[in-house]
């Protein structure tokens, strides 16, 4: 009887440890989702501000008329590529720094 009790107690302890790990992972995932949703909210708020401002809409139409839609599309594509590349490089730099800090014990 005592051996069975010890087995059940060990199994129960293992389950509690798994629960703690899963709870932590769930919290981290929820934080990531909340961060991404915050970005979406900020983006939507920016779009709403732009669409509610007739001056900005007129300015955008004027820029397209002056520069031309093809050239503007080319510049936009290059700008987005540059932005994406810079963002990836900054992410890699941050991850590299964090990895170095964890290996150094800091």
PDB file of N, CA and C in Angstrom:
ATOM      1  N   UNK A   1       0.820  -1.190   0.000  1.00  0.00           N
ATOM      2  CA  UNK A   1       0.000   0.000   0.000  1.00  0.00           C
ATOM      3  C   UNK A   1       0.865   1.255   0.000  1.00  0.00           C
ATOM      4  N   UNK A   2       1.921   1.258   0.780  1.00  0.00           N
ATOM      5  CA  UNK A   2       2.780   2.413   0.870  1.00  0.00           C
ATOM      6  C   UNK A   2       3.496   2.671  -0.454  1.00  0.00           C
ATOM      7  N   UNK A   3       3.869   1.596  -1.139  1.00  0.00           N
ATOM      8  CA  UNK A   3       4.551   1.754  -2.430  1.00  0.00           C
ATOM      9  C   UNK A   3       3.603   2.390  -3.451  1.00  0.00           C
ATOM     10  N   UNK A   4       2.371   1.942  -3.476  1.00  0.00           N
ATOM     11  CA  UNK A   4       1.377   2.522  -4.392  1.00  0.00           C
ATOM     12  C   UNK A   4       1.145   3.993  -4.065  1.00  0.00           C
ATOM     13  N   UNK A   5       1.091   4.310  -2.789  1.00  0.00           N
ATOM     14  CA  UNK A   5       0.915   5.699  -2.375  1.00  0.00           C
ATOM     15  C   UNK A   5       2.096   6.547  -2.850  1.00  0.00           C
ATOM     16  N   UNK A   6       3.299   6.035  -2.709  1.00  0.00           N
ATOM     17  CA  UNK A   6       4.489   6.758  -3.160  1.00  0.00           C
ATOM     18  C   UNK A   6       4.462   6.976  -4.670  1.00  0.00           C
ATOM     19  N   UNK A   7       4.014   5.946  -5.410  1.00  0.00           N
ATOM     20  CA  UNK A   7       3.914   6.079  -6.866  1.00  0.00           C
ATOM     21  C   UNK A   7       2.912   7.172  -7.244  1.00  0.00           C
ATOM     22  N   UNK A   8       1.759   7.136  -6.613  1.00  0.00           N
ATOM     23  CA  UNK A   8       0.737   8.142  -6.906  1.00  0.00           C
ATOM     24  C   UNK A   8       1.209   9.538  -6.511  1.00  0.00           C
ATOM     25  N   UNK A   9       1.901   9.625  -5.400  1.00  0.00           N
ATOM     26  CA  UNK A   9       2.406  10.916  -4.950  1.00  0.00           C
ATOM     27  C   UNK A   9       3.449  11.450  -5.933  1.00  0.00           C
ATOM     28  N   UNK A  10       4.330  10.583  -6.424  1.00  0.00           N
ATOM     29  CA  UNK A  10       5.343  11.001  -7.402  1.00  0.00           C
ATOM     30  C   UNK A  10       4.673  11.418  -8.706  1.00  0.00           C
ATOM     31  N   UNK A  11       3.668  10.656  -9.126  1.00  0.00           N
ATOM     32  CA  UNK A  11       2.938  11.001 -10.359  1.00  0.00           C
ATOM     33  C   UNK A  11       2.241  12.347 -10.198  1.00  0.00           C
ATOM     34  N   UNK A  12       1.636  12.548  -9.031  1.00  0.00           N
ATOM     35  CA  UNK A  12       0.955  13.818  -8.749  1.00  0.00           C
ATOM     36  C   UNK A  12       1.952  14.975  -8.782  1.00  0.00           C
ATOM     37  N   UNK A  13       3.109  14.802  -8.214  1.00  0.00           N
ATOM     38  CA  UNK A  13       4.138  15.847  -8.217  1.00  0.00           C
ATOM     39  C   UNK A  13       4.589  16.147  -9.642  1.00  0.00           C
ATOM     40  N   UNK A  14       4.743  15.092 -10.454  1.00  0.00           N
ATOM     41  CA  UNK A  14       5.122  15.292 -11.856  1.00  0.00           C
ATOM     42  C   UNK A  14       4.064  16.068 -12.612  1.00  0.00           C
ATOM     43  N   UNK A  15       2.807  15.753 -12.351  1.00  0.00           N
ATOM     44  CA  UNK A  15       1.717  16.478 -13.011  1.00  0.00           C
ATOM     45  C   UNK A  15       1.696  17.946 -12.589  1.00  0.00           C
ATOM     46  N   UNK A  16       1.931  18.206 -11.321  1.00  0.00           N
ATOM     47  CA  UNK A  16       1.959  19.596 -10.853  1.00  0.00           C
ATOM     48  C   UNK A  16       3.103  20.370 -11.505  1.00  0.00           C
ATOM     49  N   UNK A  17       4.244  19.713 -11.692  1.00  0.00           N
ATOM     50  CA  UNK A  17       5.374  20.370 -12.362  1.00  0.00           C
ATOM     51  C   UNK A  17       5.029  20.667 -13.816  1.00  0.00           C
ATOM     52  N   UNK A  18       4.388  19.723 -14.511  1.00  0.00           N
ATOM     53  CA  UNK A  18       3.968  19.947 -15.900  1.00  0.00           C
ATOM     54  C   UNK A  18       2.970  21.091 -15.985  1.00  0.00           C
ATOM     55  N   UNK A  19       2.051  21.141 -15.027  1.00  0.00           N
ATOM     56  CA  UNK A  19       1.061  22.215 -15.004  1.00  0.00           C
ATOM     57  C   UNK A  19       1.749  23.563 -14.870  1.00  0.00           C
ATOM     58  N   UNK A  20       2.748  23.646 -14.004  1.00  0.00           N
ATOM     59  CA  UNK A  20       3.461  24.910 -13.798  1.00  0.00           C
ATOM     60  C   UNK A  20       4.168  25.342 -15.080  1.00  0.00           C
ATOM     61  N   UNK A  21       4.810  24.403 -15.776  1.00  0.00           N
ATOM     62  CA  UNK A  21       5.500  24.722 -17.022  1.00  0.00           C
ATOM     63  C   UNK A  21       4.499  25.169 -18.080  1.00  0.00           C
ATOM     64  N   UNK A  22       3.397  24.443 -18.205  1.00  0.00           N
ATOM     65  CA  UNK A  22       2.388  24.791 -19.199  1.00  0.00           C
ATOM     66  C   UNK A  22       1.745  26.133 -18.885  1.00  0.00           C
ATOM     67  N   UNK A  23       1.545  26.431 -17.615  1.00  0.00           N
ATOM     68  CA  UNK A  23       0.969  27.724 -17.232  1.00  0.00           C
ATOM     69  C   UNK A  23       1.918  28.862 -17.626  1.00  0.00           C
ATOM     70  N   UNK A  24       3.217  28.654 -17.413  1.00  0.00           N
ATOM     71  CA  UNK A  24       4.197  29.670 -17.794  1.00  0.00           C
ATOM     72  C   UNK A  24       4.211  29.855 -19.312  1.00  0.00           C
ATOM     73  N   UNK A  25       4.200  28.739 -20.065  1.00  0.00           N
ATOM     74  CA  UNK A  25       4.189  28.828 -21.526  1.00  0.00           C
ATOM     75  C   UNK A  25       2.930  29.530 -22.019  1.00  0.00           C
ATOM     76  N   UNK A  26       1.811  29.228 -21.412  1.00  0.00           N
ATOM     77  CA  UNK A  26       0.555  29.876 -21.791  1.00  0.00           C
ATOM     78  C   UNK A  26       0.608  31.373 -21.521  1.00  0.00           C
ATOM     79  N   UNK A  27       1.190  31.766 -20.393  1.00  0.00           N
ATOM     80  CA  UNK A  27       1.331  33.178 -20.081  1.00  0.00           C
ATOM     81  C   UNK A  27       2.211  33.891 -21.092  1.00  0.00           C
ATOM     82  N   UNK A  28       3.320  33.247 -21.495  1.00  0.00           N
ATOM     83  CA  UNK A  28       4.209  33.849 -22.492  1.00  0.00           C
ATOM     84  C   UNK A  28       3.507  33.989 -23.834  1.00  0.00           C
ATOM     85  N   UNK A  29       2.757  32.965 -24.213  1.00  0.00           N
ATOM     86  CA  UNK A  29       2.018  33.011 -25.477  1.00  0.00           C
ATOM     87  C   UNK A  29       0.959  34.107 -25.443  1.00  0.00           C
ATOM     88  N   UNK A  30       0.271  34.227 -24.320  1.00  0.00           N
ATOM     89  CA  UNK A  30      -0.748  35.275 -24.183  1.00  0.00           C
ATOM     90  C   UNK A  30      -0.107  36.657 -24.279  1.00  0.00           C
ATOM     91  N   UNK A  31       1.088  36.823 -23.687  1.00  0.00           N
ATOM     92  CA  UNK A  31       1.790  38.108 -23.782  1.00  0.00           C
ATOM     93  C   UNK A  31       2.156  38.424 -25.227  1.00  0.00           C
ATOM     94  N   UNK A  32       2.620  37.415 -25.963  1.00  0.00           N
ATOM     95  CA  UNK A  32       2.964  37.625 -27.376  1.00  0.00           C
ATOM     96  C   UNK A  32       1.737  38.023 -28.188  1.00  0.00           C
ATOM     97  N   UNK A  33       0.630  37.340 -27.947  1.00  0.00           N
ATOM     98  CA  UNK A  33      -0.604  37.654 -28.670  1.00  0.00           C
ATOM     99  C   UNK A  33      -1.066  39.065 -28.325  1.00  0.00           C
ATOM    100  N   UNK A  34      -0.989  39.407 -27.043  1.00  0.00           N
ATOM    101  CA  UNK A  34      -1.399  40.746 -26.626  1.00  0.00           C
ATOM    102  C   UNK A  34      -0.521  41.809 -27.278  1.00  0.00           C
ATOM    103  N   UNK A  35       0.778  41.546 -27.379  1.00  0.00           N
ATOM    104  CA  UNK A  35       1.702  42.490 -28.020  1.00  0.00           C
ATOM    105  C   UNK A  35       1.338  42.677 -29.495  1.00  0.00           C
ATOM    106  N   UNK A  36       1.090  41.570 -30.195  1.00  0.00           N
ATOM    107  CA  UNK A  36       0.738  41.660 -31.612  1.00  0.00           C
ATOM    108  C   UNK A  36      -0.598  42.364 -31.817  1.00  0.00           C
ATOM    109  N   UNK A  37      -1.566  42.082 -30.970  1.00  0.00           N
ATOM    110  CA  UNK A  37      -2.859  42.754 -31.086  1.00  0.00           C
ATOM    111  C   UNK A  37      -2.727  44.247 -30.800  1.00  0.00           C
ATOM    112  N   UNK A  38      -1.827  44.612 -29.897  1.00  0.00           N
ATOM    113  CA  UNK A  38      -1.562  46.023 -29.641  1.00  0.00           C
ATOM    114  C   UNK A  38      -1.009  46.714 -30.878  1.00  0.00           C
ATOM    115  N   UNK A  39      -0.135  46.008 -31.599  1.00  0.00           N
ATOM    116  CA  UNK A  39       0.403  46.567 -32.843  1.00  0.00           C
ATOM    117  C   UNK A  39      -0.711  46.763 -33.862  1.00  0.00           C
ATOM    118  N   UNK A  40      -1.604  45.793 -33.954  1.00  0.00           N
ATOM    119  CA  UNK A  40      -2.726  45.901 -34.894  1.00  0.00           C
ATOM    120  C   UNK A  40      -3.612  47.085 -34.503  1.00  0.00           C
ATOM    121  N   UNK A  41      -3.892  47.223 -33.214  1.00  0.00           N
ATOM    122  CA  UNK A  41      -4.716  48.346 -32.743  1.00  0.00           C
ATOM    123  C   UNK A  41      -4.073  49.685 -33.086  1.00  0.00           C
ATOM    124  N   UNK A  42      -2.755  49.799 -32.869  1.00  0.00           N
ATOM    125  CA  UNK A  42      -2.072  51.054 -33.188  1.00  0.00           C
ATOM    126  C   UNK A  42      -2.113  51.327 -34.690  1.00  0.00           C
ATOM    127  N   UNK A  43      -1.966  50.278 -35.494  1.00  0.00           N
ATOM    128  CA  UNK A  43      -2.034  50.446 -36.946  1.00  0.00           C
ATOM    129  C   UNK A  43      -3.411  50.901 -37.400  1.00  0.00           C
ATOM    130  N   UNK A  44      -4.431  50.277 -36.843  1.00  0.00           N
ATOM    131  CA  UNK A  44      -5.795  50.681 -37.198  1.00  0.00           C
ATOM    132  C   UNK A  44      -6.090  52.109 -36.758  1.00  0.00           C
ATOM    133  N   UNK A  45      -5.582  52.489 -35.586  1.00  0.00           N
ATOM    134  CA  UNK A  45      -5.794  53.863 -35.122  1.00  0.00           C
ATOM    135  C   UNK A  45      -5.106  54.850 -36.061  1.00  0.00           C
ATOM    136  N   UNK A  46      -3.914  54.504 -36.542  1.00  0.00           N
ATOM    137  CA  UNK A  46      -3.209  55.381 -37.481  1.00  0.00           C
ATOM    138  C   UNK A  46      -3.982  55.502 -38.787  1.00  0.00           C
ATOM    139  N   UNK A  47      -4.517  54.397 -39.273  1.00  0.00           N
ATOM    140  CA  UNK A  47      -5.302  54.426 -40.514  1.00  0.00           C
ATOM    141  C   UNK A  47      -6.552  55.281 -40.318  1.00  0.00           C
ATOM    142  N   UNK A  48      -7.201  55.127 -39.178  1.00  0.00           N
ATOM    143  CA  UNK A  48      -8.399  55.941 -38.913  1.00  0.00           C
ATOM    144  C   UNK A  48      -8.065  57.432 -38.881  1.00  0.00           C
ATOM    145  N   UNK A  49      -6.923  57.786 -38.252  1.00  0.00           N
ATOM    146  CA  UNK A  49      -6.519  59.195 -38.206  1.00  0.00           C
ATOM    147  C   UNK A  49      -6.272  59.731 -39.609  1.00  0.00           C
ATOM    148  N   UNK A  50      -5.592  58.933 -40.431  1.00  0.00           N
ATOM    149  CA  UNK A  50      -5.302  59.371 -41.797  1.00  0.00           C
ATOM    150  C   UNK A  50      -6.585  59.540 -42.587  1.00  0.00           C
ATOM    151  N   UNK A  51      -7.479  58.563 -42.486  1.00  0.00           N
ATOM    152  CA  UNK A  51      -8.720  58.625 -43.252  1.00  0.00           C
ATOM    153  C   UNK A  51      -9.649  59.726 -42.764  1.00  0.00           C
ATOM    154  N   UNK A  52      -9.511  60.119 -41.518  1.00  0.00           N
ATOM    155  CA  UNK A  52     -10.387  61.183 -41.012  1.00  0.00           C
ATOM    156  C   UNK A  52      -9.837  62.572 -41.333  1.00  0.00           C
ATOM    157  N   UNK A  53      -8.616  62.663 -41.817  1.00  0.00           N
ATOM    158  CA  UNK A  53      -8.008  63.955 -42.118  1.00  0.00           C
ATOM    159  C   UNK A  53      -8.043  64.205 -43.626  1.00  0.00           C
ATOM    160  N   UNK A  54      -8.864  65.131 -44.030  1.00  0.00           N
ATOM    161  CA  UNK A  54      -8.974  65.450 -45.456  1.00  0.00           C
ATOM    162  C   UNK A  54      -7.687  66.081 -45.985  1.00  0.00           C
ATOM    163  N   UNK A  55      -6.947  66.767 -45.128  1.00  0.00           N
ATOM    164  CA  UNK A  55      -5.679  67.376 -45.552  1.00  0.00           C
ATOM    165  C   UNK A  55      -4.681  66.291 -45.941  1.00  0.00           C
ATOM    166  N   UNK A  56      -4.602  65.232 -45.139  1.00  0.00           N
ATOM    167  CA  UNK A  56      -3.681  64.143 -45.450  1.00  0.00           C
ATOM    168  C   UNK A  56      -4.088  63.404 -46.723  1.00  0.00           C
ATOM    169  N   UNK A  57      -5.381  63.226 -46.918  1.00  0.00           N
ATOM    170  CA  UNK A  57      -5.852  62.554 -48.134  1.00  0.00           C
ATOM    171  C   UNK A  57      -5.511  63.400 -49.357  1.00  0.00           C
ATOM    172  N   UNK A  58      -5.756  64.681 -49.272  1.00  0.00           N
ATOM    173  CA  UNK A  58      -5.411  65.576 -50.397  1.00  0.00           C
ATOM    174  C   UNK A  58      -3.905  65.589 -50.635  1.00  0.00           C
ATOM    175  N   UNK A  59      -3.136  65.594 -49.578  1.00  0.00           N
ATOM    176  CA  UNK A  59      -1.685  65.553 -49.713  1.00  0.00           C
ATOM    177  C   UNK A  59      -1.214  64.273 -50.384  1.00  0.00           C
ATOM    178  N   UNK A  60      -1.797  63.142 -50.012  1.00  0.00           N
ATOM    179  CA  UNK A  60      -1.420  61.872 -50.627  1.00  0.00           C
ATOM    180  C   UNK A  60      -1.773  61.863 -52.108  1.00  0.00           C
ATOM    181  N   UNK A  61      -2.937  62.386 -52.450  1.00  0.00           N
ATOM    182  CA  UNK A  61      -3.330  62.467 -53.860  1.00  0.00           C
ATOM    183  C   UNK A  61      -2.362  63.374 -54.618  1.00  0.00           C
ATOM    184  N   UNK A  62      -1.971  64.470 -53.985  1.00  0.00           N
ATOM    185  CA  UNK A  62      -1.013  65.378 -54.617  1.00  0.00           C
ATOM    186  C   UNK A  62       0.341  64.722 -54.840  1.00  0.00           C
ATOM    187  N   UNK A  63       0.819  63.961 -53.875  1.00  0.00           N
ATOM    188  CA  UNK A  63       2.101  63.261 -54.016  1.00  0.00           C
ATOM    189  C   UNK A  63       2.030  62.266 -55.156  1.00  0.00           C
ATOM    190  N   UNK A  64       0.947  61.506 -55.234  1.00  0.00           N
ATOM    191  CA  UNK A  64       0.797  60.533 -56.321  1.00  0.00           C
ATOM    192  C   UNK A  64       0.758  61.254 -57.662  1.00  0.00           C
ATOM    193  N   UNK A  65       0.065  62.373 -57.716  1.00  0.00           N
ATOM    194  CA  UNK A  65      -0.025  63.119 -58.976  1.00  0.00           C
ATOM    195  C   UNK A  65       1.330  63.694 -59.384  1.00  0.00           C
ATOM    196  N   UNK A  66       2.109  64.193 -58.440  1.00  0.00           N
ATOM    197  CA  UNK A  66       3.401  64.788 -58.759  1.00  0.00           C
ATOM    198  C   UNK A  66       4.456  63.738 -59.112  1.00  0.00           C
ATOM    199  N   UNK A  67       4.534  62.690 -58.330  1.00  0.00           N
ATOM    200  CA  UNK A  67       5.586  61.688 -58.529  1.00  0.00           C
ATOM    201  C   UNK A  67       5.201  60.681 -59.609  1.00  0.00           C
ATOM    202  N   UNK A  68       3.968  60.338 -59.647  1.00  0.00           N
ATOM    203  CA  UNK A  68       3.505  59.328 -60.584  1.00  0.00           C
ATOM    204  C   UNK A  68       3.326  58.001 -59.879  1.00  0.00           C
ATOM    205  N   UNK A  69       2.272  57.289 -60.218  1.00  0.00           N
ATOM    206  CA  UNK A  69       1.967  56.050 -59.503  1.00  0.00           C
ATOM    207  C   UNK A  69       3.036  54.964 -59.668  1.00  0.00           C
ATOM    208  N   UNK A  70       3.639  54.860 -60.854  1.00  0.00           N
ATOM    209  CA  UNK A  70       4.639  53.802 -61.063  1.00  0.00           C
ATOM    210  C   UNK A  70       5.891  54.057 -60.228  1.00  0.00           C
ATOM    211  N   UNK A  71       6.383  55.275 -60.268  1.00  0.00           N
ATOM    212  CA  UNK A  71       7.577  55.599 -59.498  1.00  0.00           C
ATOM    213  C   UNK A  71       7.299  55.470 -57.999  1.00  0.00           C
ATOM    214  N   UNK A  72       6.110  55.898 -57.576  1.00  0.00           N
ATOM    215  CA  UNK A  72       5.744  55.782 -56.168  1.00  0.00           C
ATOM    216  C   UNK A  72       5.666  54.308 -55.749  1.00  0.00           C
ATOM    217  N   UNK A  73       5.114  53.471 -56.615  1.00  0.00           N
ATOM    218  CA  UNK A  73       5.043  52.035 -56.311  1.00  0.00           C
ATOM    219  C   UNK A  73       6.444  51.433 -56.213  1.00  0.00           C
ATOM    220  N   UNK A  74       7.354  51.844 -57.116  1.00  0.00           N
ATOM    221  CA  UNK A  74       8.731  51.352 -57.081  1.00  0.00           C
ATOM    222  C   UNK A  74       9.418  51.774 -55.780  1.00  0.00           C
ATOM    223  N   UNK A  75       9.284  53.045 -55.428  1.00  0.00           N
ATOM    224  CA  UNK A  75       9.889  53.540 -54.195  1.00  0.00           C
ATOM    225  C   UNK A  75       9.295  52.849 -52.966  1.00  0.00           C
ATOM    226  N   UNK A  76       7.988  52.641 -52.996  1.00  0.00           N
ATOM    227  CA  UNK A  76       7.332  51.977 -51.864  1.00  0.00           C
ATOM    228  C   UNK A  76       7.839  50.550 -51.700  1.00  0.00           C
ATOM    229  N   UNK A  77       7.976  49.841 -52.818  1.00  0.00           N
ATOM    230  CA  UNK A  77       8.474  48.473 -52.765  1.00  0.00           C
ATOM    231  C   UNK A  77       9.885  48.435 -52.193  1.00  0.00           C
ATOM    232  N   UNK A  78      10.748  49.318 -52.662  1.00  0.00           N
ATOM    233  CA  UNK A  78      12.122  49.367 -52.154  1.00  0.00           C
ATOM    234  C   UNK A  78      12.146  49.770 -50.679  1.00  0.00           C
ATOM    235  N   UNK A  79      11.300  50.701 -50.314  1.00  0.00           N
ATOM    236  CA  UNK A  79      11.236  51.130 -48.922  1.00  0.00           C
ATOM    237  C   UNK A  79      10.771  50.018 -48.003  1.00  0.00           C
ATOM    238  N   UNK A  80       9.748  49.277 -48.430  1.00  0.00           N
ATOM    239  CA  UNK A  80       9.272  48.157 -47.621  1.00  0.00           C
ATOM    240  C   UNK A  80      10.337  47.076 -47.489  1.00  0.00           C
ATOM    241  N   UNK A  81      11.068  46.820 -48.571  1.00  0.00           N
ATOM    242  CA  UNK A  81      12.132  45.818 -48.516  1.00  0.00           C
ATOM    243  C   UNK A  81      13.229  46.270 -47.551  1.00  0.00           C
ATOM    244  N   UNK A  82      13.604  47.539 -47.611  1.00  0.00           N
ATOM    245  CA  UNK A  82      14.615  48.070 -46.713  1.00  0.00           C
ATOM    246  C   UNK A  82      14.142  48.005 -45.262  1.00  0.00           C
ATOM    247  N   UNK A  83      12.903  48.366 -45.020  1.00  0.00           N
ATOM    248  CA  UNK A  83      12.337  48.313 -43.671  1.00  0.00           C
ATOM    249  C   UNK A  83      12.339  46.888 -43.138  1.00  0.00           C
ATOM    250  N   UNK A  84      11.902  45.943 -43.962  1.00  0.00           N
ATOM    251  CA  UNK A  84      11.848  44.540 -43.545  1.00  0.00           C
ATOM    252  C   UNK A  84      13.242  44.001 -43.241  1.00  0.00           C
ATOM    253  N   UNK A  85      14.207  44.342 -44.084  1.00  0.00           N
ATOM    254  CA  UNK A  85      15.580  43.886 -43.872  1.00  0.00           C
ATOM    255  C   UNK A  85      16.153  44.478 -42.587  1.00  0.00           C
ATOM    256  N   UNK A  86      15.951  45.760 -42.372  1.00  0.00           N
ATOM    257  CA  UNK A  86      16.459  46.409 -41.165  1.00  0.00           C
ATOM    258  C   UNK A  86      15.823  45.809 -39.917  1.00  0.00           C
ATOM    259  N   UNK A  87      14.555  45.525 -39.985  1.00  0.00           N
ATOM    260  CA  UNK A  87      13.855  44.937 -38.844  1.00  0.00           C
ATOM    261  C   UNK A  87      14.394  43.549 -38.520  1.00  0.00           C
ATOM    262  N   UNK A  88      14.630  42.738 -39.566  1.00  0.00           N
ATOM    263  CA  UNK A  88      15.189  41.404 -39.354  1.00  0.00           C
ATOM    264  C   UNK A  88      16.590  41.489 -38.763  1.00  0.00           C
ATOM    265  N   UNK A  89      17.406  42.416 -39.269  1.00  0.00           N
ATOM    266  CA  UNK A  89      18.766  42.565 -38.748  1.00  0.00           C
ATOM    267  C   UNK A  89      18.754  42.994 -37.280  1.00  0.00           C
ATOM    268  N   UNK A  90      17.869  43.898 -36.927  1.00  0.00           N
ATOM    269  CA  UNK A  90      17.766  44.321 -35.533  1.00  0.00           C
ATOM    270  C   UNK A  90      17.303  43.180 -34.639  1.00  0.00           C
ATOM    271  N   UNK A  91      16.382  42.359 -35.143  1.00  0.00           N
ATOM    272  CA  UNK A  91      15.912  41.202 -34.370  1.00  0.00           C
ATOM    273  C   UNK A  91      17.053  40.211 -34.165  1.00  0.00           C
ATOM    274  N   UNK A  92      17.812  39.934 -35.226  1.00  0.00           N
ATOM    275  CA  UNK A  92      18.940  39.008 -35.110  1.00  0.00           C
ATOM    276  C   UNK A  92      19.995  39.550 -34.151  1.00  0.00           C
ATOM    277  N   UNK A  93      20.242  40.854 -34.211  1.00  0.00           N
ATOM    278  CA  UNK A  93      21.218  41.469 -33.310  1.00  0.00           C
ATOM    279  C   UNK A  93      20.762  41.335 -31.864  1.00  0.00           C
ATOM    280  N   UNK A  94      19.482  41.580 -31.614  1.00  0.00           N
ATOM    281  CA  UNK A  94      18.943  41.473 -30.262  1.00  0.00           C
ATOM    282  C   UNK A  94      19.031  40.031 -29.757  1.00  0.00           C
ATOM    283  N   UNK A  95      18.670  39.056 -30.613  1.00  0.00           N
ATOM    284  CA  UNK A  95      18.748  37.659 -30.218  1.00  0.00           C
ATOM    285  C   UNK A  95      20.192  37.238 -29.962  1.00  0.00           C
ATOM    286  N   UNK A  96      21.118  37.723 -30.778  1.00  0.00           N
ATOM    287  CA  UNK A  96      22.527  37.412 -30.590  1.00  0.00           C
ATOM    288  C   UNK A  96      23.027  37.982 -29.269  1.00  0.00           C
ATOM    289  N   UNK A  97      22.626  39.203 -28.967  1.00  0.00           N
ATOM    290  CA  UNK A  97      23.023  39.836 -27.714  1.00  0.00           C
ATOM    291  C   UNK A  97      22.466  39.061 -26.520  1.00  0.00           C
ATOM    292  N   UNK A  98      21.193  38.660 -26.611  1.00  0.00           N
ATOM    293  CA  UNK A  98      20.571  37.910 -25.516  1.00  0.00           C
ATOM    294  C   UNK A  98      21.237  36.553 -25.340  1.00  0.00           C
ATOM    295  N   UNK A  99      21.601  35.903 -26.447  1.00  0.00           N
ATOM    296  CA  UNK A  99      22.280  34.616 -26.361  1.00  0.00           C
ATOM    297  C   UNK A  99      23.651  34.778 -25.724  1.00  0.00           C
ATOM    298  N   UNK A 100      24.345  35.849 -26.074  1.00  0.00           N
ATOM    299  CA  UNK A 100      25.659  36.105 -25.495  1.00  0.00           C
ATOM    300  C   UNK A 100      25.538  36.360 -24.002  1.00  0.00           C
ATOM    301  N   UNK A 101      24.526  37.108 -23.602  1.00  0.00           N
ATOM    302  CA  UNK A 101      24.326  37.401 -22.187  1.00  0.00           C
ATOM    303  C   UNK A 101      23.985  36.138 -21.397  1.00  0.00           C
ATOM    304  N   UNK A 102      23.205  35.240 -21.978  1.00  0.00           N
ATOM    305  CA  UNK A 102      22.829  34.021 -21.260  1.00  0.00           C
ATOM    306  C   UNK A 102      24.022  33.073 -21.138  1.00  0.00           C
ATOM    307  N   UNK A 103      24.925  33.086 -22.122  1.00  0.00           N
ATOM    308  CA  UNK A 103      26.121  32.243 -22.051  1.00  0.00           C
ATOM    309  C   UNK A 103      27.142  32.805 -21.075  1.00  0.00           C
ATOM    310  N   UNK A 104      27.168  34.125 -20.924  1.00  0.00           N
ATOM    311  CA  UNK A 104      28.119  34.764 -20.029  1.00  0.00           C
ATOM    312  C   UNK A 104      27.640  34.729 -18.581  1.00  0.00           C
ATOM    313  N   UNK A 105      26.420  34.292 -18.397  1.00  0.00           N
ATOM    314  CA  UNK A 105      25.879  34.243 -17.043  1.00  0.00           C
ATOM    315  C   UNK A 105      25.261  35.546 -16.598  1.00  0.00           C
ATOM    316  N   UNK A 106      25.104  36.501 -17.520  1.00  0.00           N
ATOM    317  CA  UNK A 106      24.571  37.821 -17.171  1.00  0.00           C
ATOM    318  C   UNK A 106      23.173  37.903 -17.472  1.00  0.00           C
TER     319      UNK A 106
END
